C-alpha atoms as a PDB file:
ATOM      1  CA  UNK A   1      30.486  18.357 -35.555  1.00  0.00           C
ATOM      2  CA  UNK A   2      27.400  17.948 -37.478  1.00  0.00           C
ATOM      3  CA  UNK A   3      26.743  14.612 -35.858  1.00  0.00           C
ATOM      4  CA  UNK A   4      27.511  15.952 -32.130  1.00  0.00           C
ATOM      5  CA  UNK A   5      24.607  18.686 -33.214  1.00  0.00           C
ATOM      6  CA  UNK A   6      22.453  16.341 -34.702  1.00  0.00           C
ATOM      7  CA  UNK A   7      22.343  13.818 -31.566  1.00  0.00           C
ATOM      8  CA  UNK A   8      21.914  16.423 -29.361  1.00  0.00           C
ATOM      9  CA  UNK A   9      18.674  17.800 -31.589  1.00  0.00           C
ATOM     10  CA  UNK A  10      17.438  13.857 -31.575  1.00  0.00           C
ATOM     11  CA  UNK A  11      17.861  14.347 -27.635  1.00  0.00           C
ATOM     12  CA  UNK A  12      16.242  17.436 -26.932  1.00  0.00           C
ATOM     13  CA  UNK A  13      13.087  16.265 -28.990  1.00  0.00           C
ATOM     14  CA  UNK A  14      13.301  12.947 -27.413  1.00  0.00           C
ATOM     15  CA  UNK A  15      13.110  14.388 -24.204  1.00  0.00           C
ATOM     16  CA  UNK A  16       9.871  15.858 -24.827  1.00  0.00           C
ATOM     17  CA  UNK A  17       6.952  13.598 -24.566  1.00  0.00           C
ATOM     18  CA  UNK A  18       3.612  13.404 -23.383  1.00  0.00           C
ATOM     19  CA  UNK A  19       2.557  13.629 -19.647  1.00  0.00           C
ATOM     20  CA  UNK A  20       6.535  12.793 -19.086  1.00  0.00           C
ATOM     21  CA  UNK A  21       5.987   9.250 -20.729  1.00  0.00           C
ATOM     22  CA  UNK A  22       3.182   8.437 -18.718  1.00  0.00           C
ATOM     23  CA  UNK A  23       0.731   6.344 -20.982  1.00  0.00           C
ATOM     24  CA  UNK A  24      -1.811   3.371 -20.557  1.00  0.00           C
ATOM     25  CA  UNK A  25       0.524   0.865 -22.111  1.00  0.00           C
ATOM     26  CA  UNK A  26       3.191   1.099 -19.620  1.00  0.00           C
ATOM     27  CA  UNK A  27       0.582   1.075 -17.124  1.00  0.00           C
ATOM     28  CA  UNK A  28      -0.602  -2.342 -18.477  1.00  0.00           C
ATOM     29  CA  UNK A  29       3.083  -3.628 -18.501  1.00  0.00           C
ATOM     30  CA  UNK A  30       3.735  -2.635 -15.156  1.00  0.00           C
ATOM     31  CA  UNK A  31       0.532  -4.635 -14.300  1.00  0.00           C
ATOM     32  CA  UNK A  32       1.523  -7.425 -15.765  1.00  0.00           C
ATOM     33  CA  UNK A  33       5.005  -7.909 -14.058  1.00  0.00           C
ATOM     34  CA  UNK A  34       3.573  -7.538 -10.970  1.00  0.00           C
ATOM     35  CA  UNK A  35       0.817  -9.824 -11.093  1.00  0.00           C
ATOM     36  CA  UNK A  36       3.252 -12.566 -12.805  1.00  0.00           C
ATOM     37  CA  UNK A  37       5.116 -12.598  -9.271  1.00  0.00           C
ATOM     38  CA  UNK A  38       3.329 -15.396  -7.773  1.00  0.00           C
ATOM     39  CA  UNK A  39       4.706 -14.666  -3.914  1.00  0.00           C
ATOM     40  CA  UNK A  40       3.497 -10.891  -4.445  1.00  0.00           C
ATOM     41  CA  UNK A  41       0.327 -12.588  -5.084  1.00  0.00           C
ATOM     42  CA  UNK A  42       0.163 -15.095  -2.642  1.00  0.00           C
ATOM     43  CA  UNK A  43       0.974 -12.800   0.094  1.00  0.00           C
ATOM     44  CA  UNK A  44      -1.015  -9.609  -0.737  1.00  0.00           C
ATOM     45  CA  UNK A  45      -4.162 -11.620  -1.938  1.00  0.00           C
ATOM     46  CA  UNK A  46      -4.321 -14.965  -0.871  1.00  0.00           C
ATOM     47  CA  UNK A  47      -3.127 -14.727   3.372  1.00  0.00           C
ATOM     48  CA  UNK A  48      -5.300 -11.852   3.826  1.00  0.00           C
ATOM     49  CA  UNK A  49      -8.277 -14.043   2.304  1.00  0.00           C
ATOM     50  CA  UNK A  50      -6.991 -17.150   4.647  1.00  0.00           C
ATOM     51  CA  UNK A  51      -6.365 -15.153   7.879  1.00  0.00           C
ATOM     52  CA  UNK A  52     -10.220 -13.690   7.873  1.00  0.00           C
ATOM     53  CA  UNK A  53     -11.753 -17.094   6.466  1.00  0.00           C
ATOM     54  CA  UNK A  54      -9.813 -18.778   9.699  1.00  0.00           C
ATOM     55  CA  UNK A  55     -10.781 -15.826  12.694  1.00  0.00           C
ATOM     56  CA  UNK A  56     -13.600 -14.163  11.294  1.00  0.00           C
ATOM     57  CA  UNK A  57     -16.772 -16.424   9.888  1.00  0.00           C
ATOM     58  CA  UNK A  58     -16.825 -18.040  13.453  1.00  0.00           C
ATOM     59  CA  UNK A  59     -17.799 -15.232  15.139  1.00  0.00           C
ATOM     60  CA  UNK A  60     -21.222 -15.393  13.797  1.00  0.00           C
ATOM     61  CA  UNK A  61     -23.271 -12.604  14.622  1.00  0.00           C
ATOM     62  CA  UNK A  62     -21.901 -11.435  17.623  1.00  0.00           C
ATOM     63  CA  UNK A  63     -21.121  -7.432  17.910  1.00  0.00           C
ATOM     64  CA  UNK A  64     -19.478  -6.878  21.662  1.00  0.00           C
ATOM     65  CA  UNK A  65     -20.228  -3.915  21.278  1.00  0.00           C
ATOM     66  CA  UNK A  66     -20.070  -3.219  17.471  1.00  0.00           C
ATOM     67  CA  UNK A  67     -22.848  -0.967  16.672  1.00  0.00           C
ATOM     68  CA  UNK A  68     -23.490  -1.289  12.883  1.00  0.00           C
ATOM     69  CA  UNK A  69     -22.298  -4.989  12.250  1.00  0.00           C
ATOM     70  CA  UNK A  70     -20.360  -8.089  13.410  1.00  0.00           C
ATOM     71  CA  UNK A  71     -17.293  -8.799  14.831  1.00  0.00           C
ATOM     72  CA  UNK A  72     -16.728 -10.569  11.952  1.00  0.00           C
ATOM     73  CA  UNK A  73     -16.863  -7.419  10.019  1.00  0.00           C
ATOM     74  CA  UNK A  74     -14.602  -5.787  12.208  1.00  0.00           C
ATOM     75  CA  UNK A  75     -12.254  -8.550  11.545  1.00  0.00           C
ATOM     76  CA  UNK A  76     -12.727  -8.381   7.600  1.00  0.00           C
ATOM     77  CA  UNK A  77     -11.502  -4.524   7.725  1.00  0.00           C
ATOM     78  CA  UNK A  78      -8.394  -5.162   9.818  1.00  0.00           C
ATOM     79  CA  UNK A  79      -8.027  -8.100   7.393  1.00  0.00           C
ATOM     80  CA  UNK A  80      -8.554  -5.999   4.038  1.00  0.00           C
ATOM     81  CA  UNK A  81      -6.427  -3.160   5.624  1.00  0.00           C
ATOM     82  CA  UNK A  82      -3.554  -5.861   6.428  1.00  0.00           C
ATOM     83  CA  UNK A  83      -3.945  -6.977   2.884  1.00  0.00           C
ATOM     84  CA  UNK A  84      -3.660  -3.609   1.629  1.00  0.00           C
ATOM     85  CA  UNK A  85      -0.809  -2.772   3.917  1.00  0.00           C
ATOM     86  CA  UNK A  86       0.960  -6.066   2.440  1.00  0.00           C
ATOM     87  CA  UNK A  87      -0.261  -5.417  -1.366  1.00  0.00           C
ATOM     88  CA  UNK A  88       1.146  -1.645  -1.633  1.00  0.00           C
ATOM     89  CA  UNK A  89       4.004  -2.199   0.199  1.00  0.00           C
ATOM     90  CA  UNK A  90       5.147  -4.823  -2.409  1.00  0.00           C
ATOM     91  CA  UNK A  91       3.886  -2.963  -4.828  1.00  0.00           C
ATOM     92  CA  UNK A  92       6.106   0.191  -4.184  1.00  0.00           C
ATOM     93  CA  UNK A  93       9.247  -2.434  -3.313  1.00  0.00           C
ATOM     94  CA  UNK A  94       9.348  -3.491  -6.590  1.00  0.00           C
ATOM     95  CA  UNK A  95      11.516  -0.722  -7.795  1.00  0.00           C
ATOM     96  CA  UNK A  96      14.400  -2.522  -5.295  1.00  0.00           C
ATOM     97  CA  UNK A  97      14.437  -5.421  -7.621  1.00  0.00           C
ATOM     98  CA  UNK A  98      14.103  -3.424 -10.741  1.00  0.00           C
ATOM     99  CA  UNK A  99      17.152  -1.476  -9.760  1.00  0.00           C
ATOM    100  CA  UNK A 100      18.934  -4.351  -9.262  1.00  0.00           C
ATOM    101  CA  UNK A 101      18.349  -6.223 -12.754  1.00  0.00           C
ATOM    102  CA  UNK A 102      18.856  -3.333 -14.926  1.00  0.00           C
ATOM    103  CA  UNK A 103      14.940  -2.264 -15.528  1.00  0.00           C
ATOM    104  CA  UNK A 104      15.595   0.878 -14.129  1.00  0.00           C
ATOM    105  CA  UNK A 105      18.448   1.804 -16.189  1.00  0.00           C
ATOM    106  CA  UNK A 106      16.753   0.555 -19.523  1.00  0.00           C
ATOM    107  CA  UNK A 107      13.493   3.250 -18.231  1.00  0.00           C
ATOM    108  CA  UNK A 108      15.891   5.954 -18.085  1.00  0.00           C
ATOM    109  CA  UNK A 109      16.730   5.823 -21.665  1.00  0.00           C
ATOM    110  CA  UNK A 110      13.180   6.303 -22.806  1.00  0.00           C
ATOM    111  CA  UNK A 111      11.445   9.740 -22.189  1.00  0.00           C
ATOM    112  CA  UNK A 112      10.148   8.983 -19.161  1.00  0.00           C
ATOM    113  CA  UNK A 113      10.680  11.352 -16.275  1.00  0.00           C
ATOM    114  CA  UNK A 114      11.493  10.685 -12.702  1.00  0.00           C
ATOM    115  CA  UNK A 115       7.793  11.491 -11.424  1.00  0.00           C
ATOM    116  CA  UNK A 116       6.065   9.857 -14.468  1.00  0.00           C
ATOM    117  CA  UNK A 117       7.990   6.989 -13.287  1.00  0.00           C
ATOM    118  CA  UNK A 118       6.995   7.437  -9.785  1.00  0.00           C
ATOM    119  CA  UNK A 119       3.357   7.801 -10.640  1.00  0.00           C
ATOM    120  CA  UNK A 120       3.185   4.729 -12.335  1.00  0.00           C
ATOM    121  CA  UNK A 121       4.555   2.906  -9.528  1.00  0.00           C
ATOM    122  CA  UNK A 122       2.458   4.527  -7.109  1.00  0.00           C
ATOM    123  CA  UNK A 123      -0.605   3.813  -9.527  1.00  0.00           C
ATOM    124  CA  UNK A 124       0.214   0.048  -9.160  1.00  0.00           C
ATOM    125  CA  UNK A 125       0.789  -0.313  -5.596  1.00  0.00           C
ATOM    126  CA  UNK A 126      -2.710   1.811  -5.216  1.00  0.00           C
ATOM    127  CA  UNK A 127      -4.128  -1.372  -7.814  1.00  0.00           C
ATOM    128  CA  UNK A 128      -3.241  -4.014  -6.119  1.00  0.00           C
ATOM    129  CA  UNK A 129      -4.132  -2.614  -2.991  1.00  0.00           C
ATOM    130  CA  UNK A 130      -7.600  -2.379  -4.110  1.00  0.00           C
ATOM    131  CA  UNK A 131      -7.577  -6.041  -5.850  1.00  0.00           C
ATOM    132  CA  UNK A 132      -7.016  -7.029  -2.250  1.00  0.00           C
ATOM    133  CA  UNK A 133      -9.382  -5.746   0.084  1.00  0.00           C
ATOM    134  CA  UNK A 134     -11.924  -6.623  -2.798  1.00  0.00           C
ATOM    135  CA  UNK A 135     -11.347  -9.336  -2.596  1.00  0.00           C
ATOM    136  CA  UNK A 136     -11.349 -10.005   1.463  1.00  0.00           C
ATOM    137  CA  UNK A 137     -14.340  -7.823   1.275  1.00  0.00           C
ATOM    138  CA  UNK A 138     -15.638 -10.671  -1.331  1.00  0.00           C
ATOM    139  CA  UNK A 139     -14.672 -13.492   0.486  1.00  0.00           C
ATOM    140  CA  UNK A 140     -16.723 -11.536   3.949  1.00  0.00           C
ATOM    141  CA  UNK A 141     -19.704 -11.447   1.792  1.00  0.00           C
ATOM    142  CA  UNK A 142     -20.237 -14.983   1.640  1.00  0.00           C
ATOM    143  CA  UNK A 143     -19.451 -15.673   5.082  1.00  0.00           C
ATOM    144  CA  UNK A 144     -20.917 -14.483   7.581  1.00  0.00           C
ATOM    145  CA  UNK A 145     -19.560 -10.696   8.123  1.00  0.00           C
ATOM    146  CA  UNK A 146     -22.138  -7.811   8.694  1.00  0.00           C
ATOM    147  CA  UNK A 147     -22.535  -4.076   8.320  1.00  0.00           C
ATOM    148  CA  UNK A 148     -24.990  -1.545   7.627  1.00  0.00           C
ATOM    149  CA  UNK A 149     -25.516  -1.345   3.630  1.00  0.00           C
ATOM    150  CA  UNK A 150     -23.244   1.362   3.044  1.00  0.00           C
ATOM    151  CA  UNK A 151     -20.722   1.019   5.125  1.00  0.00           C
ATOM    152  CA  UNK A 152     -19.200  -1.798   2.669  1.00  0.00           C
ATOM    153  CA  UNK A 153     -18.143   0.983   0.431  1.00  0.00           C
ATOM    154  CA  UNK A 154     -17.264   3.549   2.957  1.00  0.00           C
ATOM    155  CA  UNK A 155     -14.785   1.100   5.500  1.00  0.00           C
ATOM    156  CA  UNK A 156     -13.178  -0.490   2.043  1.00  0.00           C
ATOM    157  CA  UNK A 157     -13.198   3.490   0.458  1.00  0.00           C
ATOM    158  CA  UNK A 158     -10.985   4.720   3.965  1.00  0.00           C
ATOM    159  CA  UNK A 159      -8.930   1.380   4.312  1.00  0.00           C
ATOM    160  CA  UNK A 160      -8.159   1.948  -0.020  1.00  0.00           C
ATOM    161  CA  UNK A 161      -6.986   5.698   0.789  1.00  0.00           C
ATOM    162  CA  UNK A 162      -5.361   4.916   3.752  1.00  0.00           C
ATOM    163  CA  UNK A 163      -2.852   2.139   2.319  1.00  0.00           C
ATOM    164  CA  UNK A 164      -1.521   5.302  -0.090  1.00  0.00           C
ATOM    165  CA  UNK A 165       0.849   4.794   3.141  1.00  0.00           C
ATOM    166  CA  UNK A 166       2.463   2.001   2.500  1.00  0.00           C
ATOM    167  CA  UNK A 167       2.912   2.661  -0.733  1.00  0.00           C
ATOM    168  CA  UNK A 168       4.975   5.447  -0.057  1.00  0.00           C
ATOM    169  CA  UNK A 169       6.761   3.530   2.347  1.00  0.00           C
ATOM    170  CA  UNK A 170       7.247   0.694   0.076  1.00  0.00           C
ATOM    171  CA  UNK A 171       8.880   3.051  -2.445  1.00  0.00           C
ATOM    172  CA  UNK A 172      11.146   4.229   0.115  1.00  0.00           C
ATOM    173  CA  UNK A 173      12.277   1.144   1.286  1.00  0.00           C
ATOM    174  CA  UNK A 174      12.551  -0.089  -2.393  1.00  0.00           C
ATOM    175  CA  UNK A 175      15.225   2.608  -2.689  1.00  0.00           C
ATOM    176  CA  UNK A 176      16.913   2.305   0.600  1.00  0.00           C
ATOM    177  CA  UNK A 177      17.304  -1.501   0.977  1.00  0.00           C
ATOM    178  CA  UNK A 178      19.445  -4.075  -1.176  1.00  0.00           C
ATOM    179  CA  UNK A 179      17.065  -6.181  -3.559  1.00  0.00           C
ATOM    180  CA  UNK A 180      17.868  -9.421  -2.149  1.00  0.00           C
ATOM    181  CA  UNK A 181      16.655  -8.532   1.316  1.00  0.00           C
ATOM    182  CA  UNK A 182      13.748  -5.896   0.815  1.00  0.00           C
ATOM    183  CA  UNK A 183      11.037  -8.434   0.722  1.00  0.00           C
ATOM    184  CA  UNK A 184      12.459 -10.679   3.201  1.00  0.00           C
ATOM    185  CA  UNK A 185      12.490  -7.528   6.147  1.00  0.00           C
ATOM    186  CA  UNK A 186       9.130  -5.786   4.992  1.00  0.00           C
ATOM    187  CA  UNK A 187       7.285  -9.091   5.498  1.00  0.00           C
ATOM    188  CA  UNK A 188       7.960  -9.637   9.120  1.00  0.00           C
ATOM    189  CA  UNK A 189       8.427  -5.524  10.171  1.00  0.00           C
ATOM    190  CA  UNK A 190       4.851  -5.029   8.389  1.00  0.00           C
ATOM    191  CA  UNK A 191       3.255  -8.095  10.739  1.00  0.00           C
ATOM    192  CA  UNK A 192       4.528  -6.227  13.672  1.00  0.00           C
ATOM    193  CA  UNK A 193       4.070  -2.400  12.317  1.00  0.00           C
ATOM    194  CA  UNK A 194      -0.194  -4.371  12.081  1.00  0.00           C
ATOM    195  CA  UNK A 195       0.141  -5.684  15.583  1.00  0.00           C
ATOM    196  CA  UNK A 196       1.744  -2.279  17.048  1.00  0.00           C
ATOM    197  CA  UNK A 197      -0.849  -0.570  15.875  1.00  0.00           C
ATOM    198  CA  UNK A 198      -3.835  -2.369  16.886  1.00  0.00           C
ATOM    199  CA  UNK A 199      -5.112  -4.121  13.745  1.00  0.00           C
ATOM    200  CA  UNK A 200      -4.536  -8.201  14.851  1.00  0.00           C
ATOM    201  CA  UNK A 201      -5.473  -7.250  18.750  1.00  0.00           C
ATOM    202  CA  UNK A 202      -7.391  -4.329  19.641  1.00  0.00           C
ATOM    203  CA  UNK A 203      -5.959  -1.823  21.962  1.00  0.00           C
ATOM    204  CA  UNK A 204      -7.281  -1.285  25.262  1.00  0.00           C
ATOM    205  CA  UNK A 205      -7.785   2.354  25.645  1.00  0.00           C
ATOM    206  CA  UNK A 206      -6.062   3.936  28.177  1.00  0.00           C
ATOM    207  CA  UNK A 207      -3.032   0.705  28.431  1.00  0.00           C
ATOM    208  CA  UNK A 208       1.079   1.520  27.656  1.00  0.00           C
ATOM    209  CA  UNK A 209       0.524  -0.275  24.436  1.00  0.00           C
ATOM    210  CA  UNK A 210      -2.910   1.825  23.570  1.00  0.00           C
ATOM    211  CA  UNK A 211      -0.402   5.149  24.018  1.00  0.00           C
ATOM    212  CA  UNK A 212       2.525   3.610  21.925  1.00  0.00           C
ATOM    213  CA  UNK A 213       0.543   2.525  19.688  1.00  0.00           C
ATOM    214  CA  UNK A 214      -0.322   6.303  18.219  1.00  0.00           C
ATOM    215  CA  UNK A 215       2.847   6.618  17.089  1.00  0.00           C
ATOM    216  CA  UNK A 216       2.894   4.004  15.053  1.00  0.00           C
ATOM    217  CA  UNK A 217       2.173   4.270  10.785  1.00  0.00           C
ATOM    218  CA  UNK A 218      -1.061   1.977  10.773  1.00  0.00           C
ATOM    219  CA  UNK A 219      -2.849   3.501  13.794  1.00  0.00           C
ATOM    220  CA  UNK A 220      -4.404   6.122  12.119  1.00  0.00           C
ATOM    221  CA  UNK A 221      -5.443   4.043   9.580  1.00  0.00           C
ATOM    222  CA  UNK A 222      -6.807   1.641  11.650  1.00  0.00           C
ATOM    223  CA  UNK A 223      -9.203   3.893  13.444  1.00  0.00           C
ATOM    224  CA  UNK A 224     -10.356   5.731  11.012  1.00  0.00           C
ATOM    225  CA  UNK A 225     -11.144   2.431   8.405  1.00  0.00           C
ATOM    226  CA  UNK A 226     -12.931   1.213  11.796  1.00  0.00           C
ATOM    227  CA  UNK A 227     -14.845   3.773  13.028  1.00  0.00           C
ATOM    228  CA  UNK A 228     -17.986   3.512  10.780  1.00  0.00           C
ATOM    229  CA  UNK A 229     -18.595   0.129  11.961  1.00  0.00           C
ATOM    230  CA  UNK A 230     -18.092   0.660  15.392  1.00  0.00           C
ATOM    231  CA  UNK A 231     -19.085   4.375  15.804  1.00  0.00           C
ATOM    232  CA  UNK A 232     -16.304   6.019  17.469  1.00  0.00           C
ATOM    233  CA  UNK A 233     -16.323   9.665  16.337  1.00  0.00           C
ATOM    234  CA  UNK A 234     -13.555  11.009  14.804  1.00  0.00           C
ATOM    235  CA  UNK A 235     -10.394  11.961  16.594  1.00  0.00           C
ATOM    236  CA  UNK A 236      -7.977  14.644  14.641  1.00  0.00           C
ATOM    237  CA  UNK A 237      -5.121  12.208  15.959  1.00  0.00           C
ATOM    238  CA  UNK A 238      -5.444  10.201  13.500  1.00  0.00           C
ATOM    239  CA  UNK A 239      -5.850  12.165  10.487  1.00  0.00           C
ATOM    240  CA  UNK A 240      -2.357  13.470  11.980  1.00  0.00           C
ATOM    241  CA  UNK A 241      -0.883  10.031  12.265  1.00  0.00           C
ATOM    242  CA  UNK A 242      -1.687   9.416   8.724  1.00  0.00           C
ATOM    243  CA  UNK A 243      -0.602  12.638   7.045  1.00  0.00           C
ATOM    244  CA  UNK A 244       2.544  12.597   9.186  1.00  0.00           C
ATOM    245  CA  UNK A 245       3.186   9.113   8.240  1.00  0.00           C
ATOM    246  CA  UNK A 246       2.419   9.972   4.242  1.00  0.00           C
ATOM    247  CA  UNK A 247       4.981  12.593   4.463  1.00  0.00           C
ATOM    248  CA  UNK A 248       7.634  11.152   5.876  1.00  0.00           C
ATOM    249  CA  UNK A 249       7.505   7.970   3.427  1.00  0.00           C
ATOM    250  CA  UNK A 250       7.005  10.297   0.596  1.00  0.00           C
ATOM    251  CA  UNK A 251       9.801  12.367   1.625  1.00  0.00           C
ATOM    252  CA  UNK A 252      12.178   9.502   2.187  1.00  0.00           C
ATOM    253  CA  UNK A 253      11.230   8.208  -1.545  1.00  0.00           C
ATOM    254  CA  UNK A 254      11.778  10.977  -2.801  1.00  0.00           C
ATOM    255  CA  UNK A 255      15.147  11.911  -1.486  1.00  0.00           C
ATOM    256  CA  UNK A 256      16.306   8.046  -1.998  1.00  0.00           C
ATOM    257  CA  UNK A 257      14.808   8.495  -5.413  1.00  0.00           C
ATOM    258  CA  UNK A 258      17.085  12.015  -6.375  1.00  0.00           C
ATOM    259  CA  UNK A 259      20.744  10.117  -4.843  1.00  0.00           C
ATOM    260  CA  UNK A 260      19.723   7.068  -6.924  1.00  0.00           C
ATOM    261  CA  UNK A 261      19.308   8.844 -10.149  1.00  0.00           C
ATOM    262  CA  UNK A 262      22.612  10.761  -9.360  1.00  0.00           C
ATOM    263  CA  UNK A 263      24.029   7.693  -9.813  1.00  0.00           C
ATOM    264  CA  UNK A 264      23.242   6.746 -12.999  1.00  0.00           C
END
């Protein structure tokens, strides 16, 4: 009886941790684990830059109705968004691999709370997304992309904050799909979402595809990130699109996380 009492007391004491166990040491460990994944780094940091270099610099200084920059800058924003989408989704979806390897179970033996665990994953996903955006913007700055000075910061910030949608999406898919299939399924799926949202090919106003695109996850953030460059006025539908899809993915991630926790 004494041993049981001592064990219970020990567990109760151990369960109380500042900030739920969230700390900078854990962040460093998670960042190292993420950046050591070569496939993730190639697809999130190298591929968007390659796409930009193929389609962007050749546009030169042409504006084609772009009010505050050139076409190269427009493509640069698109590729930065695509890179951020890949990066944040990949960062969130890593939970699937961690579940399969037993890392998630190991973490649950520590004072780390579920909320702190999810926050760490979101921070890592958003950090990787920010790096992806900065790399594409750096490439654009040396290869002819032109925007009004303040728009470099404004468009990058919008793209980064908006990529939180796909961080939540990655977490949702990471808990929903089996680890051996998650990355293979997400790659083509994200490409389809990018096409559907008008990221690769600008949508013609009034077309059927433009109408359908308004209901895809990429539409709102794509339009919002490009608006400062093109001079388009803000539409409430863009904000609604962002908020609704973020809520859907966040609720889905929490739901699947709770189901996963119940099984352990």
